[in-house]
N, C-alpha and C. Protein backbone atom coordinates (compact mmCIF):
# COMPACT_ATOMS: atom_id res chain seq x y z
N MET A 1 65.39 -59.60 -131.48
CA MET A 1 66.02 -58.49 -130.78
C MET A 1 67.54 -58.55 -131.02
N ILE A 2 68.14 -57.39 -131.26
CA ILE A 2 69.58 -57.32 -131.54
C ILE A 2 70.36 -57.29 -130.24
N ASP A 3 71.37 -58.15 -130.16
CA ASP A 3 72.24 -58.21 -128.99
C ASP A 3 73.12 -56.96 -128.98
N PRO A 4 73.11 -56.15 -127.90
CA PRO A 4 73.93 -54.94 -127.85
C PRO A 4 75.42 -55.21 -128.01
N ARG A 5 75.88 -56.38 -127.58
CA ARG A 5 77.31 -56.71 -127.73
C ARG A 5 77.68 -56.86 -129.20
N SER A 6 76.82 -57.48 -129.99
CA SER A 6 77.11 -57.65 -131.41
C SER A 6 77.04 -56.31 -132.13
N GLN A 7 76.18 -55.42 -131.66
CA GLN A 7 76.08 -54.10 -132.25
C GLN A 7 77.37 -53.31 -132.03
N LYS A 8 77.95 -53.38 -130.84
CA LYS A 8 79.21 -52.71 -130.56
C LYS A 8 80.34 -53.33 -131.38
N TYR A 9 80.30 -54.63 -131.55
CA TYR A 9 81.29 -55.31 -132.37
C TYR A 9 81.22 -54.81 -133.82
N GLN A 10 80.02 -54.68 -134.35
CA GLN A 10 79.84 -54.17 -135.71
C GLN A 10 80.35 -52.73 -135.82
N GLN A 11 80.17 -51.93 -134.78
CA GLN A 11 80.67 -50.56 -134.79
C GLN A 11 82.19 -50.54 -134.84
N ARG A 12 82.82 -51.46 -134.12
CA ARG A 12 84.29 -51.53 -134.15
C ARG A 12 84.78 -51.99 -135.51
N LEU A 13 84.03 -52.86 -136.18
CA LEU A 13 84.41 -53.33 -137.51
C LEU A 13 84.27 -52.23 -138.56
N ASN A 14 83.38 -51.30 -138.32
CA ASN A 14 83.09 -50.23 -139.27
C ASN A 14 83.30 -48.87 -138.60
N PRO A 15 84.54 -48.47 -138.38
CA PRO A 15 84.81 -47.26 -137.60
C PRO A 15 84.62 -45.95 -138.36
N TRP A 16 84.60 -45.98 -139.69
CA TRP A 16 84.42 -44.75 -140.46
C TRP A 16 82.93 -44.48 -140.59
N VAL A 17 82.53 -43.27 -140.26
CA VAL A 17 81.10 -42.92 -140.29
C VAL A 17 80.88 -41.66 -141.12
N ILE A 18 79.69 -41.58 -141.67
CA ILE A 18 79.22 -40.34 -142.27
C ILE A 18 78.20 -39.78 -141.30
N THR A 19 78.41 -38.53 -140.90
CA THR A 19 77.48 -37.89 -139.99
C THR A 19 76.76 -36.76 -140.72
N ARG A 20 75.58 -36.45 -140.24
CA ARG A 20 74.80 -35.33 -140.77
C ARG A 20 74.55 -34.37 -139.62
N ARG A 21 74.91 -33.13 -139.85
CA ARG A 21 74.67 -32.10 -138.83
C ARG A 21 73.19 -31.79 -138.79
N LEU A 22 72.62 -31.77 -137.59
CA LEU A 22 71.21 -31.48 -137.44
C LEU A 22 71.01 -29.97 -137.53
N PRO A 23 70.03 -29.52 -138.30
CA PRO A 23 69.82 -28.08 -138.50
C PRO A 23 69.53 -27.37 -137.18
N GLY A 24 70.16 -26.22 -136.99
CA GLY A 24 69.92 -25.41 -135.80
C GLY A 24 70.46 -26.03 -134.53
N SER A 25 71.44 -26.92 -134.65
CA SER A 25 71.95 -27.63 -133.49
C SER A 25 73.44 -27.88 -133.65
N LEU A 26 74.11 -28.11 -132.54
CA LEU A 26 75.51 -28.50 -132.57
C LEU A 26 75.67 -30.01 -132.67
N HIS A 27 74.56 -30.72 -132.64
CA HIS A 27 74.58 -32.18 -132.66
C HIS A 27 74.58 -32.70 -134.09
N SER A 28 75.05 -33.94 -134.21
CA SER A 28 75.01 -34.62 -135.50
C SER A 28 74.57 -36.06 -135.27
N THR A 29 74.15 -36.70 -136.34
CA THR A 29 73.70 -38.07 -136.25
C THR A 29 74.46 -38.92 -137.27
N VAL A 30 74.73 -40.16 -136.91
CA VAL A 30 75.44 -41.07 -137.81
C VAL A 30 74.46 -41.56 -138.87
N ILE A 31 74.85 -41.37 -140.12
CA ILE A 31 74.02 -41.80 -141.25
C ILE A 31 74.38 -43.21 -141.69
N ALA A 32 75.70 -43.49 -141.78
CA ALA A 32 76.15 -44.80 -142.25
C ALA A 32 77.54 -45.10 -141.70
N ARG A 33 77.88 -46.39 -141.63
CA ARG A 33 79.19 -46.84 -141.15
C ARG A 33 79.89 -47.62 -142.25
N PHE A 34 81.23 -47.49 -142.27
CA PHE A 34 82.02 -48.15 -143.29
C PHE A 34 83.30 -48.70 -142.69
N ARG A 35 83.81 -49.73 -143.31
CA ARG A 35 85.07 -50.33 -142.86
C ARG A 35 86.26 -49.51 -143.33
N ARG A 36 86.16 -48.93 -144.53
CA ARG A 36 87.28 -48.18 -145.10
C ARG A 36 86.87 -46.74 -145.39
N ARG A 37 87.83 -45.83 -145.23
CA ARG A 37 87.57 -44.42 -145.47
C ARG A 37 87.16 -44.16 -146.92
N VAL A 38 87.82 -44.83 -147.86
CA VAL A 38 87.52 -44.62 -149.27
C VAL A 38 86.07 -44.97 -149.59
N GLU A 39 85.53 -45.99 -148.93
CA GLU A 39 84.12 -46.35 -149.12
C GLU A 39 83.21 -45.25 -148.60
N ALA A 40 83.56 -44.71 -147.43
CA ALA A 40 82.77 -43.63 -146.84
C ALA A 40 82.80 -42.40 -147.73
N GLU A 41 83.97 -42.07 -148.27
CA GLU A 41 84.08 -40.89 -149.13
C GLU A 41 83.29 -41.06 -150.42
N GLY A 42 83.27 -42.26 -150.97
CA GLY A 42 82.47 -42.53 -152.17
C GLY A 42 80.99 -42.35 -151.90
N HIS A 43 80.55 -42.86 -150.77
CA HIS A 43 79.14 -42.73 -150.40
C HIS A 43 78.80 -41.27 -150.11
N LEU A 44 79.75 -40.55 -149.52
CA LEU A 44 79.55 -39.13 -149.23
C LEU A 44 79.29 -38.35 -150.52
N LYS A 45 80.02 -38.65 -151.58
CA LYS A 45 79.82 -37.96 -152.86
C LYS A 45 78.40 -38.18 -153.38
N VAL A 46 77.90 -39.40 -153.24
CA VAL A 46 76.54 -39.70 -153.67
C VAL A 46 75.54 -38.91 -152.84
N LEU A 47 75.73 -38.89 -151.52
CA LEU A 47 74.82 -38.14 -150.65
C LEU A 47 74.82 -36.65 -150.99
N GLN A 48 76.00 -36.08 -151.22
CA GLN A 48 76.10 -34.66 -151.51
C GLN A 48 75.44 -34.32 -152.85
N SER A 49 75.52 -35.22 -153.81
CA SER A 49 74.87 -34.94 -155.10
C SER A 49 73.35 -35.13 -155.00
N THR A 50 72.92 -36.03 -154.12
CA THR A 50 71.50 -36.29 -153.95
C THR A 50 70.83 -35.24 -153.08
N LEU A 51 71.54 -34.79 -152.03
CA LEU A 51 70.99 -33.83 -151.08
C LEU A 51 71.89 -32.60 -150.98
N PRO A 52 71.92 -31.77 -152.02
CA PRO A 52 72.79 -30.60 -151.96
C PRO A 52 72.32 -29.64 -150.85
N GLY A 53 73.28 -29.00 -150.22
CA GLY A 53 72.94 -28.06 -149.15
C GLY A 53 72.87 -28.71 -147.78
N THR A 54 72.93 -30.03 -147.72
CA THR A 54 72.92 -30.73 -146.44
C THR A 54 74.37 -30.97 -146.03
N GLU A 55 74.67 -30.73 -144.76
CA GLU A 55 76.04 -30.87 -144.27
C GLU A 55 76.31 -32.30 -143.82
N PHE A 56 77.26 -32.95 -144.48
CA PHE A 56 77.71 -34.28 -144.12
C PHE A 56 79.20 -34.22 -143.83
N GLU A 57 79.69 -35.18 -143.05
CA GLU A 57 81.12 -35.24 -142.75
C GLU A 57 81.54 -36.69 -142.56
N VAL A 58 82.71 -37.02 -143.09
CA VAL A 58 83.30 -38.34 -142.87
C VAL A 58 84.24 -38.22 -141.68
N MET A 59 84.12 -39.13 -140.75
CA MET A 59 84.99 -39.08 -139.58
C MET A 59 85.20 -40.47 -139.00
N TRP A 60 86.24 -40.59 -138.18
CA TRP A 60 86.55 -41.82 -137.47
C TRP A 60 85.75 -41.80 -136.17
N ASP A 61 85.00 -42.84 -135.91
CA ASP A 61 84.21 -42.92 -134.69
C ASP A 61 85.04 -43.57 -133.60
N ALA A 62 85.66 -42.75 -132.78
CA ALA A 62 86.53 -43.25 -131.71
C ALA A 62 85.76 -43.63 -130.45
N SER A 63 84.47 -43.42 -130.43
CA SER A 63 83.69 -43.70 -129.22
C SER A 63 83.70 -45.18 -128.84
N GLU A 64 83.89 -46.05 -129.82
CA GLU A 64 83.90 -47.49 -129.55
C GLU A 64 85.28 -48.10 -129.76
N ASP A 65 86.32 -47.25 -129.91
CA ASP A 65 87.66 -47.74 -130.17
C ASP A 65 88.26 -48.33 -128.89
N PRO A 66 88.54 -49.63 -128.83
CA PRO A 66 89.05 -50.26 -127.62
C PRO A 66 90.49 -49.82 -127.29
N HIS A 67 91.17 -49.17 -128.23
CA HIS A 67 92.55 -48.75 -128.00
C HIS A 67 92.64 -47.36 -127.40
N GLN A 68 91.50 -46.68 -127.28
CA GLN A 68 91.49 -45.35 -126.67
C GLN A 68 91.58 -45.49 -125.16
N ALA A 69 92.42 -44.68 -124.53
CA ALA A 69 92.56 -44.74 -123.08
C ALA A 69 91.83 -43.61 -122.41
């Protein structure tokens, strides 16, 4: 079983995420996490070429940012 504390720690280590917008919804889901934006953008290019027409976005996941007040 995965310790929830270690999972949050991993999220803080990898704050850049690729999200996929769910069809017919305002919601999105996290596809992958990355430590650096350039890594996320490289992976995004692969996803877009593999799944054309699917909406993906690279963004900073501030939900687990300990510096947010």
